[in-house]
């Protein structure tokens, strides 16, 4: 009974944590856009940036459609895509992130906190990058184009920052057409900064090779049987002791190192564990979300 309640408590806390992260993204994104990027006439990445751009074009043509409303409309087809590809849990928190962003965009007024354009762009982009990075690190996206980024990142093992930059090149092109090269330049600076911050926070996208030398491979394999990623076992022998020493090789996500270290040492406290940075080029390897 105690174990059952522990599992329920952990699940509840995990959901609560994700809800907080989704809400935090909404707040940070709204702060970044309304207090900084809008003042600099610089555009964010993803759907918020596209919504900013469309809003600016509509205002030029005397059409009043808020950024928040545009974010909702643009997200509808991408939410459906997310539901089909990633399932309801991933999509639910992405949807919460979108709704939270819309709410805070309506609550926080557009204000000139800083007058200098470049500083506005840098500060706003860092704040938004932190919010997006925490969402990805928590196991869901911020909705919008991040759903596409997640799919490409999972399938082709490309960093989310790189994929985001490629997608937002389109936004930069339209920004240059409608608002000049200056607006596109500041938006480019902001996008690069946001992508850099996202990559630094979202450590799950970084793969490593875990090598374990152990004399208790049978017990270790049993304890790791239900782990997300598989492992390869090599039989060996110590050159000094001539004792049998098996080697397990695993490709894992960087965020799983501490979990696996605890699991391995729990079975074999004398196990030798080595971690090496790696890059998966081919093969049946799927990152978990």
C-alpha atoms as a PDB file:
ATOM      1  CA  UNK A   1       0.000   0.000   0.000  1.00  0.00           C
ATOM      2  CA  UNK A   2       2.822   2.393   0.889  1.00  0.00           C
ATOM      3  CA  UNK A   3       4.512   1.749  -2.471  1.00  0.00           C
ATOM      4  CA  UNK A   4       1.234   2.341  -4.296  1.00  0.00           C
ATOM      5  CA  UNK A   5       0.715   5.699  -2.580  1.00  0.00           C
ATOM      6  CA  UNK A   6       4.313   6.670  -3.303  1.00  0.00           C
ATOM      7  CA  UNK A   7       3.746   6.045  -7.019  1.00  0.00           C
ATOM      8  CA  UNK A   8       0.544   8.090  -6.929  1.00  0.00           C
ATOM      9  CA  UNK A   9       2.278  10.934  -5.081  1.00  0.00           C
ATOM     10  CA  UNK A  10       5.186  10.950  -7.560  1.00  0.00           C
ATOM     11  CA  UNK A  11       2.781  11.008 -10.499  1.00  0.00           C
ATOM     12  CA  UNK A  12       0.828  13.874  -8.938  1.00  0.00           C
ATOM     13  CA  UNK A  13       3.990  15.855  -8.246  1.00  0.00           C
ATOM     14  CA  UNK A  14       5.221  15.256 -11.800  1.00  0.00           C
ATOM     15  CA  UNK A  15       1.973  16.570 -13.250  1.00  0.00           C
ATOM     16  CA  UNK A  16       2.015  19.542 -10.870  1.00  0.00           C
ATOM     17  CA  UNK A  17       5.610  20.334 -11.834  1.00  0.00           C
ATOM     18  CA  UNK A  18       4.752  20.237 -15.546  1.00  0.00           C
ATOM     19  CA  UNK A  19       1.733  22.477 -14.959  1.00  0.00           C
ATOM     20  CA  UNK A  20       3.928  25.001 -13.149  1.00  0.00           C
ATOM     21  CA  UNK A  21       6.518  24.905 -15.958  1.00  0.00           C
ATOM     22  CA  UNK A  22       3.821  25.392 -18.614  1.00  0.00           C
ATOM     23  CA  UNK A  23       2.382  28.342 -16.691  1.00  0.00           C
ATOM     24  CA  UNK A  24       5.851  29.774 -16.126  1.00  0.00           C
ATOM     25  CA  UNK A  25       6.527  29.668 -19.864  1.00  0.00           C
ATOM     26  CA  UNK A  26       3.310  31.586 -20.506  1.00  0.00           C
ATOM     27  CA  UNK A  27       4.380  34.277 -18.054  1.00  0.00           C
ATOM     28  CA  UNK A  28       7.983  34.523 -19.311  1.00  0.00           C
ATOM     29  CA  UNK A  29       6.928  34.575 -22.964  1.00  0.00           C
ATOM     30  CA  UNK A  30       4.394  37.334 -22.319  1.00  0.00           C
ATOM     31  CA  UNK A  31       6.969  39.363 -20.387  1.00  0.00           C
ATOM     32  CA  UNK A  32       9.524  38.905 -23.156  1.00  0.00           C
ATOM     33  CA  UNK A  33       7.108  39.949 -25.895  1.00  0.00           C
ATOM     34  CA  UNK A  34       5.061  42.734 -24.267  1.00  0.00           C
ATOM     35  CA  UNK A  35       7.772  44.382 -22.172  1.00  0.00           C
ATOM     36  CA  UNK A  36      10.806  43.957 -24.418  1.00  0.00           C
ATOM     37  CA  UNK A  37      10.459  42.608 -27.978  1.00  0.00           C
ATOM     38  CA  UNK A  38       7.443  44.721 -28.916  1.00  0.00           C
ATOM     39  CA  UNK A  39       9.307  47.862 -27.850  1.00  0.00           C
ATOM     40  CA  UNK A  40      12.233  46.857 -30.048  1.00  0.00           C
ATOM     41  CA  UNK A  41       9.967  45.898 -32.974  1.00  0.00           C
ATOM     42  CA  UNK A  42      11.755  42.552 -32.814  1.00  0.00           C
ATOM     43  CA  UNK A  43       9.968  39.259 -33.374  1.00  0.00           C
ATOM     44  CA  UNK A  44      10.034  36.155 -31.221  1.00  0.00           C
ATOM     45  CA  UNK A  45      10.514  32.610 -32.495  1.00  0.00           C
ATOM     46  CA  UNK A  46       7.759  30.199 -33.414  1.00  0.00           C
ATOM     47  CA  UNK A  47       4.049  30.952 -33.388  1.00  0.00           C
ATOM     48  CA  UNK A  48       4.368  34.016 -31.091  1.00  0.00           C
ATOM     49  CA  UNK A  49       6.783  35.564 -33.582  1.00  0.00           C
ATOM     50  CA  UNK A  50       4.538  34.733 -36.528  1.00  0.00           C
ATOM     51  CA  UNK A  51       1.576  36.174 -34.606  1.00  0.00           C
ATOM     52  CA  UNK A  52       3.574  39.358 -33.907  1.00  0.00           C
ATOM     53  CA  UNK A  53       4.435  39.648 -37.589  1.00  0.00           C
ATOM     54  CA  UNK A  54       0.844  39.104 -38.784  1.00  0.00           C
ATOM     55  CA  UNK A  55      -0.435  41.551 -36.163  1.00  0.00           C
ATOM     56  CA  UNK A  56       2.010  44.185 -37.385  1.00  0.00           C
ATOM     57  CA  UNK A  57       0.923  43.704 -41.008  1.00  0.00           C
ATOM     58  CA  UNK A  58      -2.770  43.836 -40.042  1.00  0.00           C
ATOM     59  CA  UNK A  59      -2.263  47.027 -38.024  1.00  0.00           C
ATOM     60  CA  UNK A  60      -0.672  48.602 -41.097  1.00  0.00           C
ATOM     61  CA  UNK A  61      -3.904  47.803 -42.926  1.00  0.00           C
ATOM     62  CA  UNK A  62      -6.083  49.092 -40.047  1.00  0.00           C
ATOM     63  CA  UNK A  63      -7.213  45.614 -38.969  1.00  0.00           C
ATOM     64  CA  UNK A  64      -7.219  45.011 -35.219  1.00  0.00           C
ATOM     65  CA  UNK A  65      -6.583  41.358 -34.360  1.00  0.00           C
ATOM     66  CA  UNK A  66      -4.620  40.791 -31.158  1.00  0.00           C
ATOM     67  CA  UNK A  67      -1.444  38.712 -30.889  1.00  0.00           C
ATOM     68  CA  UNK A  68      -3.193  36.455 -28.350  1.00  0.00           C
ATOM     69  CA  UNK A  69      -6.065  35.708 -30.770  1.00  0.00           C
ATOM     70  CA  UNK A  70      -3.632  34.970 -33.603  1.00  0.00           C
ATOM     71  CA  UNK A  71      -1.659  32.585 -31.373  1.00  0.00           C
ATOM     72  CA  UNK A  72      -4.854  30.611 -30.678  1.00  0.00           C
ATOM     73  CA  UNK A  73      -5.827  30.409 -34.366  1.00  0.00           C
ATOM     74  CA  UNK A  74      -2.340  29.401 -35.536  1.00  0.00           C
ATOM     75  CA  UNK A  75      -2.011  26.713 -32.867  1.00  0.00           C
ATOM     76  CA  UNK A  76      -5.189  24.783 -33.700  1.00  0.00           C
ATOM     77  CA  UNK A  77      -3.790  22.604 -36.560  1.00  0.00           C
ATOM     78  CA  UNK A  78      -0.502  22.101 -34.708  1.00  0.00           C
ATOM     79  CA  UNK A  79      -2.284  20.896 -31.561  1.00  0.00           C
ATOM     80  CA  UNK A  80      -4.073  18.273 -33.661  1.00  0.00           C
ATOM     81  CA  UNK A  81      -0.734  17.218 -35.182  1.00  0.00           C
ATOM     82  CA  UNK A  82       0.817  16.970 -31.710  1.00  0.00           C
ATOM     83  CA  UNK A  83      -2.078  14.824 -30.460  1.00  0.00           C
ATOM     84  CA  UNK A  84      -1.589  12.378 -33.334  1.00  0.00           C
ATOM     85  CA  UNK A  85       2.222  12.174 -33.100  1.00  0.00           C
ATOM     86  CA  UNK A  86       3.004  12.503 -29.378  1.00  0.00           C
ATOM     87  CA  UNK A  87      -0.218  11.559 -27.582  1.00  0.00           C
ATOM     88  CA  UNK A  88      -2.515  13.319 -25.152  1.00  0.00           C
ATOM     89  CA  UNK A  89      -0.114  13.826 -22.189  1.00  0.00           C
ATOM     90  CA  UNK A  90       2.498  15.685 -24.237  1.00  0.00           C
ATOM     91  CA  UNK A  91      -0.186  17.686 -26.034  1.00  0.00           C
ATOM     92  CA  UNK A  92      -2.076  18.545 -22.842  1.00  0.00           C
ATOM     93  CA  UNK A  93       0.818  20.414 -21.265  1.00  0.00           C
ATOM     94  CA  UNK A  94       1.731  22.031 -24.582  1.00  0.00           C
ATOM     95  CA  UNK A  95      -1.856  23.277 -24.734  1.00  0.00           C
ATOM     96  CA  UNK A  96      -1.617  24.565 -21.158  1.00  0.00           C
ATOM     97  CA  UNK A  97       1.544  26.433 -22.171  1.00  0.00           C
ATOM     98  CA  UNK A  98      -0.285  28.045 -25.108  1.00  0.00           C
ATOM     99  CA  UNK A  99      -3.325  28.993 -22.999  1.00  0.00           C
ATOM    100  CA  UNK A 100      -1.090  30.370 -20.253  1.00  0.00           C
ATOM    101  CA  UNK A 101       0.777  32.463 -22.804  1.00  0.00           C
ATOM    102  CA  UNK A 102      -2.471  33.873 -24.206  1.00  0.00           C
ATOM    103  CA  UNK A 103      -3.759  34.750 -20.719  1.00  0.00           C
ATOM    104  CA  UNK A 104      -0.580  36.545 -19.674  1.00  0.00           C
ATOM    105  CA  UNK A 105      -0.348  38.375 -23.011  1.00  0.00           C
ATOM    106  CA  UNK A 106      -3.764  39.866 -22.210  1.00  0.00           C
ATOM    107  CA  UNK A 107      -2.843  40.648 -18.591  1.00  0.00           C
ATOM    108  CA  UNK A 108       0.617  42.198 -19.087  1.00  0.00           C
ATOM    109  CA  UNK A 109       0.429  45.525 -20.938  1.00  0.00           C
ATOM    110  CA  UNK A 110       2.844  46.523 -23.688  1.00  0.00           C
ATOM    111  CA  UNK A 111       5.246  48.886 -21.929  1.00  0.00           C
ATOM    112  CA  UNK A 112       8.626  50.411 -22.722  1.00  0.00           C
ATOM    113  CA  UNK A 113      10.758  49.201 -19.822  1.00  0.00           C
ATOM    114  CA  UNK A 114      14.034  49.843 -21.678  1.00  0.00           C
ATOM    115  CA  UNK A 115      14.471  52.402 -24.429  1.00  0.00           C
ATOM    116  CA  UNK A 116      17.507  50.887 -26.168  1.00  0.00           C
ATOM    117  CA  UNK A 117      16.443  48.567 -28.975  1.00  0.00           C
ATOM    118  CA  UNK A 118      19.289  46.056 -28.856  1.00  0.00           C
ATOM    119  CA  UNK A 119      19.022  45.671 -25.071  1.00  0.00           C
ATOM    120  CA  UNK A 120      15.273  45.050 -25.389  1.00  0.00           C
ATOM    121  CA  UNK A 121      15.937  42.371 -27.989  1.00  0.00           C
ATOM    122  CA  UNK A 122      18.594  40.604 -25.905  1.00  0.00           C
ATOM    123  CA  UNK A 123      16.666  40.677 -22.607  1.00  0.00           C
ATOM    124  CA  UNK A 124      13.376  39.606 -24.179  1.00  0.00           C
ATOM    125  CA  UNK A 125      14.997  36.776 -26.131  1.00  0.00           C
ATOM    126  CA  UNK A 126      16.815  35.415 -23.064  1.00  0.00           C
ATOM    127  CA  UNK A 127      13.594  35.405 -21.014  1.00  0.00           C
ATOM    128  CA  UNK A 128      11.659  33.587 -23.744  1.00  0.00           C
ATOM    129  CA  UNK A 129      14.502  31.096 -24.297  1.00  0.00           C
ATOM    130  CA  UNK A 130      14.481  30.201 -20.604  1.00  0.00           C
ATOM    131  CA  UNK A 131      10.733  29.541 -20.664  1.00  0.00           C
ATOM    132  CA  UNK A 132      10.887  27.363 -23.789  1.00  0.00           C
ATOM    133  CA  UNK A 133      13.931  25.462 -22.527  1.00  0.00           C
ATOM    134  CA  UNK A 134      12.224  24.580 -19.240  1.00  0.00           C
ATOM    135  CA  UNK A 135       9.175  23.266 -21.105  1.00  0.00           C
ATOM    136  CA  UNK A 136      11.261  20.973 -23.330  1.00  0.00           C
ATOM    137  CA  UNK A 137      13.281  19.847 -20.310  1.00  0.00           C
ATOM    138  CA  UNK A 138      10.023  18.995 -18.507  1.00  0.00           C
ATOM    139  CA  UNK A 139       8.888  16.709 -21.338  1.00  0.00           C
ATOM    140  CA  UNK A 140       6.594  18.836 -23.493  1.00  0.00           C
ATOM    141  CA  UNK A 141       6.768  21.701 -25.951  1.00  0.00           C
ATOM    142  CA  UNK A 142       5.311  25.191 -25.951  1.00  0.00           C
ATOM    143  CA  UNK A 143       2.946  24.258 -28.773  1.00  0.00           C
ATOM    144  CA  UNK A 144       3.015  25.899 -32.168  1.00  0.00           C
ATOM    145  CA  UNK A 145       6.083  25.282 -34.307  1.00  0.00           C
ATOM    146  CA  UNK A 146       7.792  23.670 -31.298  1.00  0.00           C
ATOM    147  CA  UNK A 147       5.656  20.602 -32.026  1.00  0.00           C
ATOM    148  CA  UNK A 148       7.305  20.372 -35.444  1.00  0.00           C
ATOM    149  CA  UNK A 149      10.697  21.032 -33.839  1.00  0.00           C
ATOM    150  CA  UNK A 150      10.094  18.186 -31.359  1.00  0.00           C
ATOM    151  CA  UNK A 151       9.180  15.804 -34.167  1.00  0.00           C
ATOM    152  CA  UNK A 152      12.258  16.671 -36.251  1.00  0.00           C
ATOM    153  CA  UNK A 153      14.518  16.578 -33.173  1.00  0.00           C
ATOM    154  CA  UNK A 154      13.253  13.141 -32.175  1.00  0.00           C
ATOM    155  CA  UNK A 155      13.352  11.649 -35.651  1.00  0.00           C
ATOM    156  CA  UNK A 156      16.540  13.185 -37.028  1.00  0.00           C
ATOM    157  CA  UNK A 157      18.477  13.950 -33.796  1.00  0.00           C
ATOM    158  CA  UNK A 158      18.988  17.650 -34.491  1.00  0.00           C
ATOM    159  CA  UNK A 159      19.223  20.208 -31.677  1.00  0.00           C
ATOM    160  CA  UNK A 160      16.019  22.135 -31.058  1.00  0.00           C
ATOM    161  CA  UNK A 161      17.830  25.456 -31.350  1.00  0.00           C
ATOM    162  CA  UNK A 162      19.128  24.576 -34.815  1.00  0.00           C
ATOM    163  CA  UNK A 163      15.714  23.409 -36.045  1.00  0.00           C
ATOM    164  CA  UNK A 164      14.022  26.497 -34.603  1.00  0.00           C
ATOM    165  CA  UNK A 165      16.488  28.749 -36.384  1.00  0.00           C
ATOM    166  CA  UNK A 166      15.768  27.050 -39.713  1.00  0.00           C
ATOM    167  CA  UNK A 167      12.004  27.411 -39.281  1.00  0.00           C
ATOM    168  CA  UNK A 168      12.222  31.040 -38.228  1.00  0.00           C
ATOM    169  CA  UNK A 169      14.236  32.010 -41.277  1.00  0.00           C
ATOM    170  CA  UNK A 170      10.830  32.343 -42.946  1.00  0.00           C
ATOM    171  CA  UNK A 171       9.734  34.848 -40.298  1.00  0.00           C
ATOM    172  CA  UNK A 172      12.911  36.833 -40.886  1.00  0.00           C
ATOM    173  CA  UNK A 173      12.261  36.928 -44.619  1.00  0.00           C
ATOM    174  CA  UNK A 174       8.773  38.370 -44.203  1.00  0.00           C
ATOM    175  CA  UNK A 175      10.022  40.763 -41.519  1.00  0.00           C
ATOM    176  CA  UNK A 176      12.573  42.140 -43.973  1.00  0.00           C
ATOM    177  CA  UNK A 177       9.887  42.549 -46.644  1.00  0.00           C
ATOM    178  CA  UNK A 178       7.337  44.363 -44.474  1.00  0.00           C
ATOM    179  CA  UNK A 179       9.475  46.141 -41.873  1.00  0.00           C
ATOM    180  CA  UNK A 180      12.885  46.494 -43.473  1.00  0.00           C
ATOM    181  CA  UNK A 181      16.291  44.948 -42.969  1.00  0.00           C
ATOM    182  CA  UNK A 182      16.692  46.636 -39.578  1.00  0.00           C
ATOM    183  CA  UNK A 183      13.707  44.817 -38.093  1.00  0.00           C
ATOM    184  CA  UNK A 184      14.896  41.528 -39.545  1.00  0.00           C
ATOM    185  CA  UNK A 185      18.393  42.054 -38.144  1.00  0.00           C
ATOM    186  CA  UNK A 186      17.176  42.595 -34.579  1.00  0.00           C
ATOM    187  CA  UNK A 187      14.808  39.637 -34.906  1.00  0.00           C
ATOM    188  CA  UNK A 188      17.708  37.479 -36.109  1.00  0.00           C
ATOM    189  CA  UNK A 189      19.785  38.479 -33.075  1.00  0.00           C
ATOM    190  CA  UNK A 190      16.879  37.609 -30.794  1.00  0.00           C
ATOM    191  CA  UNK A 191      16.214  34.261 -32.437  1.00  0.00           C
ATOM    192  CA  UNK A 192      19.846  33.180 -32.201  1.00  0.00           C
ATOM    193  CA  UNK A 193      19.949  34.128 -28.510  1.00  0.00           C
ATOM    194  CA  UNK A 194      16.689  32.310 -27.769  1.00  0.00           C
ATOM    195  CA  UNK A 195      17.852  29.189 -29.611  1.00  0.00           C
ATOM    196  CA  UNK A 196      21.169  29.236 -27.723  1.00  0.00           C
ATOM    197  CA  UNK A 197      19.434  29.495 -24.329  1.00  0.00           C
ATOM    198  CA  UNK A 198      17.009  26.713 -25.266  1.00  0.00           C
ATOM    199  CA  UNK A 199      19.844  24.365 -26.201  1.00  0.00           C
ATOM    200  CA  UNK A 200      21.716  25.064 -22.954  1.00  0.00           C
ATOM    201  CA  UNK A 201      18.679  24.297 -20.779  1.00  0.00           C
ATOM    202  CA  UNK A 202      17.263  21.346 -22.725  1.00  0.00           C
ATOM    203  CA  UNK A 203      19.930  18.769 -21.852  1.00  0.00           C
ATOM    204  CA  UNK A 204      17.740  15.797 -22.865  1.00  0.00           C
ATOM    205  CA  UNK A 205      18.701  16.361 -26.494  1.00  0.00           C
ATOM    206  CA  UNK A 206      22.368  15.703 -25.699  1.00  0.00           C
ATOM    207  CA  UNK A 207      23.297  12.042 -26.148  1.00  0.00           C
ATOM    208  CA  UNK A 208      26.121  10.264 -24.346  1.00  0.00           C
ATOM    209  CA  UNK A 209      27.643   6.791 -24.415  1.00  0.00           C
ATOM    210  CA  UNK A 210      27.542   5.059 -21.043  1.00  0.00           C
ATOM    211  CA  UNK A 211      30.113   2.276 -20.536  1.00  0.00           C
ATOM    212  CA  UNK A 212      29.799   0.037 -17.469  1.00  0.00           C
ATOM    213  CA  UNK A 213      32.355  -2.576 -16.380  1.00  0.00           C
ATOM    214  CA  UNK A 214      30.809  -5.020 -13.933  1.00  0.00           C
ATOM    215  CA  UNK A 215      31.079  -8.519 -12.541  1.00  0.00           C
ATOM    216  CA  UNK A 216      27.345  -8.634 -11.862  1.00  0.00           C
ATOM    217  CA  UNK A 217      26.025  -8.231 -15.379  1.00  0.00           C
ATOM    218  CA  UNK A 218      23.109 -10.673 -14.972  1.00  0.00           C
ATOM    219  CA  UNK A 219      21.629  -8.748 -12.032  1.00  0.00           C
ATOM    220  CA  UNK A 220      22.331  -5.428 -13.718  1.00  0.00           C
ATOM    221  CA  UNK A 221      20.606  -6.464 -16.952  1.00  0.00           C
ATOM    222  CA  UNK A 222      17.559  -7.585 -14.987  1.00  0.00           C
ATOM    223  CA  UNK A 223      17.307  -4.261 -13.148  1.00  0.00           C
ATOM    224  CA  UNK A 224      17.596  -2.268 -16.403  1.00  0.00           C
ATOM    225  CA  UNK A 225      15.314  -4.503 -18.466  1.00  0.00           C
ATOM    226  CA  UNK A 226      12.438  -1.985 -18.601  1.00  0.00           C
ATOM    227  CA  UNK A 227      14.617   1.062 -19.215  1.00  0.00           C
ATOM    228  CA  UNK A 228      13.799   3.138 -22.318  1.00  0.00           C
ATOM    229  CA  UNK A 229      17.037   2.416 -24.188  1.00  0.00           C
ATOM    230  CA  UNK A 230      18.672  -0.943 -24.790  1.00  0.00           C
ATOM    231  CA  UNK A 231      22.254  -1.964 -24.099  1.00  0.00           C
ATOM    232  CA  UNK A 232      24.915  -4.199 -25.633  1.00  0.00           C
ATOM    233  CA  UNK A 233      26.827  -6.690 -23.478  1.00  0.00           C
ATOM    234  CA  UNK A 234      30.441  -7.658 -24.145  1.00  0.00           C
ATOM    235  CA  UNK A 235      32.224 -10.419 -22.251  1.00  0.00           C
ATOM    236  CA  UNK A 236      35.764  -9.633 -21.135  1.00  0.00           C
ATOM    237  CA  UNK A 237      38.538 -10.491 -18.721  1.00  0.00           C
ATOM    238  CA  UNK A 238      40.691  -8.280 -16.526  1.00  0.00           C
ATOM    239  CA  UNK A 239      44.319  -8.308 -17.700  1.00  0.00           C
ATOM    240  CA  UNK A 240      45.687  -8.032 -14.153  1.00  0.00           C
ATOM    241  CA  UNK A 241      43.285 -10.260 -12.189  1.00  0.00           C
ATOM    242  CA  UNK A 242      42.257 -12.563 -15.083  1.00  0.00           C
ATOM    243  CA  UNK A 243      38.737 -12.364 -13.629  1.00  0.00           C
ATOM    244  CA  UNK A 244      35.667 -12.155 -15.851  1.00  0.00           C
ATOM    245  CA  UNK A 245      34.505  -8.552 -16.315  1.00  0.00           C
ATOM    246  CA  UNK A 246      31.546  -7.775 -18.554  1.00  0.00           C
ATOM    247  CA  UNK A 247      31.049  -4.471 -20.352  1.00  0.00           C
ATOM    248  CA  UNK A 248      27.661  -2.861 -20.994  1.00  0.00           C
ATOM    249  CA  UNK A 249      27.461  -0.107 -23.600  1.00  0.00           C
ATOM    250  CA  UNK A 250      24.413   2.174 -23.770  1.00  0.00           C
ATOM    251  CA  UNK A 251      23.481   5.307 -25.731  1.00  0.00           C
ATOM    252  CA  UNK A 252      21.395   7.464 -23.417  1.00  0.00           C
ATOM    253  CA  UNK A 253      20.210  11.019 -22.917  1.00  0.00           C
ATOM    254  CA  UNK A 254      22.383  13.184 -20.717  1.00  0.00           C
ATOM    255  CA  UNK A 255      19.531  13.836 -18.301  1.00  0.00           C
ATOM    256  CA  UNK A 256      19.380  10.100 -17.460  1.00  0.00           C
ATOM    257  CA  UNK A 257      22.969   9.836 -16.192  1.00  0.00           C
ATOM    258  CA  UNK A 258      22.175  10.396 -12.518  1.00  0.00           C
ATOM    259  CA  UNK A 259      19.246   7.948 -12.601  1.00  0.00           C
ATOM    260  CA  UNK A 260      21.297   5.194 -14.246  1.00  0.00           C
ATOM    261  CA  UNK A 261      24.256   5.775 -11.964  1.00  0.00           C
ATOM    262  CA  UNK A 262      22.062   5.220  -8.907  1.00  0.00           C
ATOM    263  CA  UNK A 263      20.430   2.153 -10.463  1.00  0.00           C
ATOM    264  CA  UNK A 264      23.791   0.597 -11.407  1.00  0.00           C
ATOM    265  CA  UNK A 265      25.523   1.241  -8.082  1.00  0.00           C
ATOM    266  CA  UNK A 266      22.519  -0.145  -6.240  1.00  0.00           C
ATOM    267  CA  UNK A 267      23.201  -3.504  -7.909  1.00  0.00           C
ATOM    268  CA  UNK A 268      26.998  -3.324  -8.097  1.00  0.00           C
ATOM    269  CA  UNK A 269      28.695  -0.742  -5.871  1.00  0.00           C
ATOM    270  CA  UNK A 270      32.073  -1.654  -7.423  1.00  0.00           C
ATOM    271  CA  UNK A 271      30.985  -1.075 -11.022  1.00  0.00           C
ATOM    272  CA  UNK A 272      33.199   1.143 -13.190  1.00  0.00           C
ATOM    273  CA  UNK A 273      31.106   3.769 -15.004  1.00  0.00           C
ATOM    274  CA  UNK A 274      32.375   5.922 -17.839  1.00  0.00           C
ATOM    275  CA  UNK A 275      30.458   8.567 -19.814  1.00  0.00           C
ATOM    276  CA  UNK A 276      31.504   9.901 -23.218  1.00  0.00           C
ATOM    277  CA  UNK A 277      29.866  12.530 -25.402  1.00  0.00           C
ATOM    278  CA  UNK A 278      28.477  11.052 -28.597  1.00  0.00           C
ATOM    279  CA  UNK A 279      26.415  11.779 -31.678  1.00  0.00           C
ATOM    280  CA  UNK A 280      23.988   9.251 -33.102  1.00  0.00           C
ATOM    281  CA  UNK A 281      24.325   9.100 -36.888  1.00  0.00           C
ATOM    282  CA  UNK A 282      22.265   6.044 -37.758  1.00  0.00           C
ATOM    283  CA  UNK A 283      20.306   3.233 -36.183  1.00  0.00           C
ATOM    284  CA  UNK A 284      17.159   2.540 -34.197  1.00  0.00           C
ATOM    285  CA  UNK A 285      17.574   5.117 -31.452  1.00  0.00           C
ATOM    286  CA  UNK A 286      14.600   7.169 -30.269  1.00  0.00           C
ATOM    287  CA  UNK A 287      14.778   9.877 -27.645  1.00  0.00           C
ATOM    288  CA  UNK A 288      12.066   9.678 -25.021  1.00  0.00           C
ATOM    289  CA  UNK A 289       9.813  12.644 -24.257  1.00  0.00           C
END
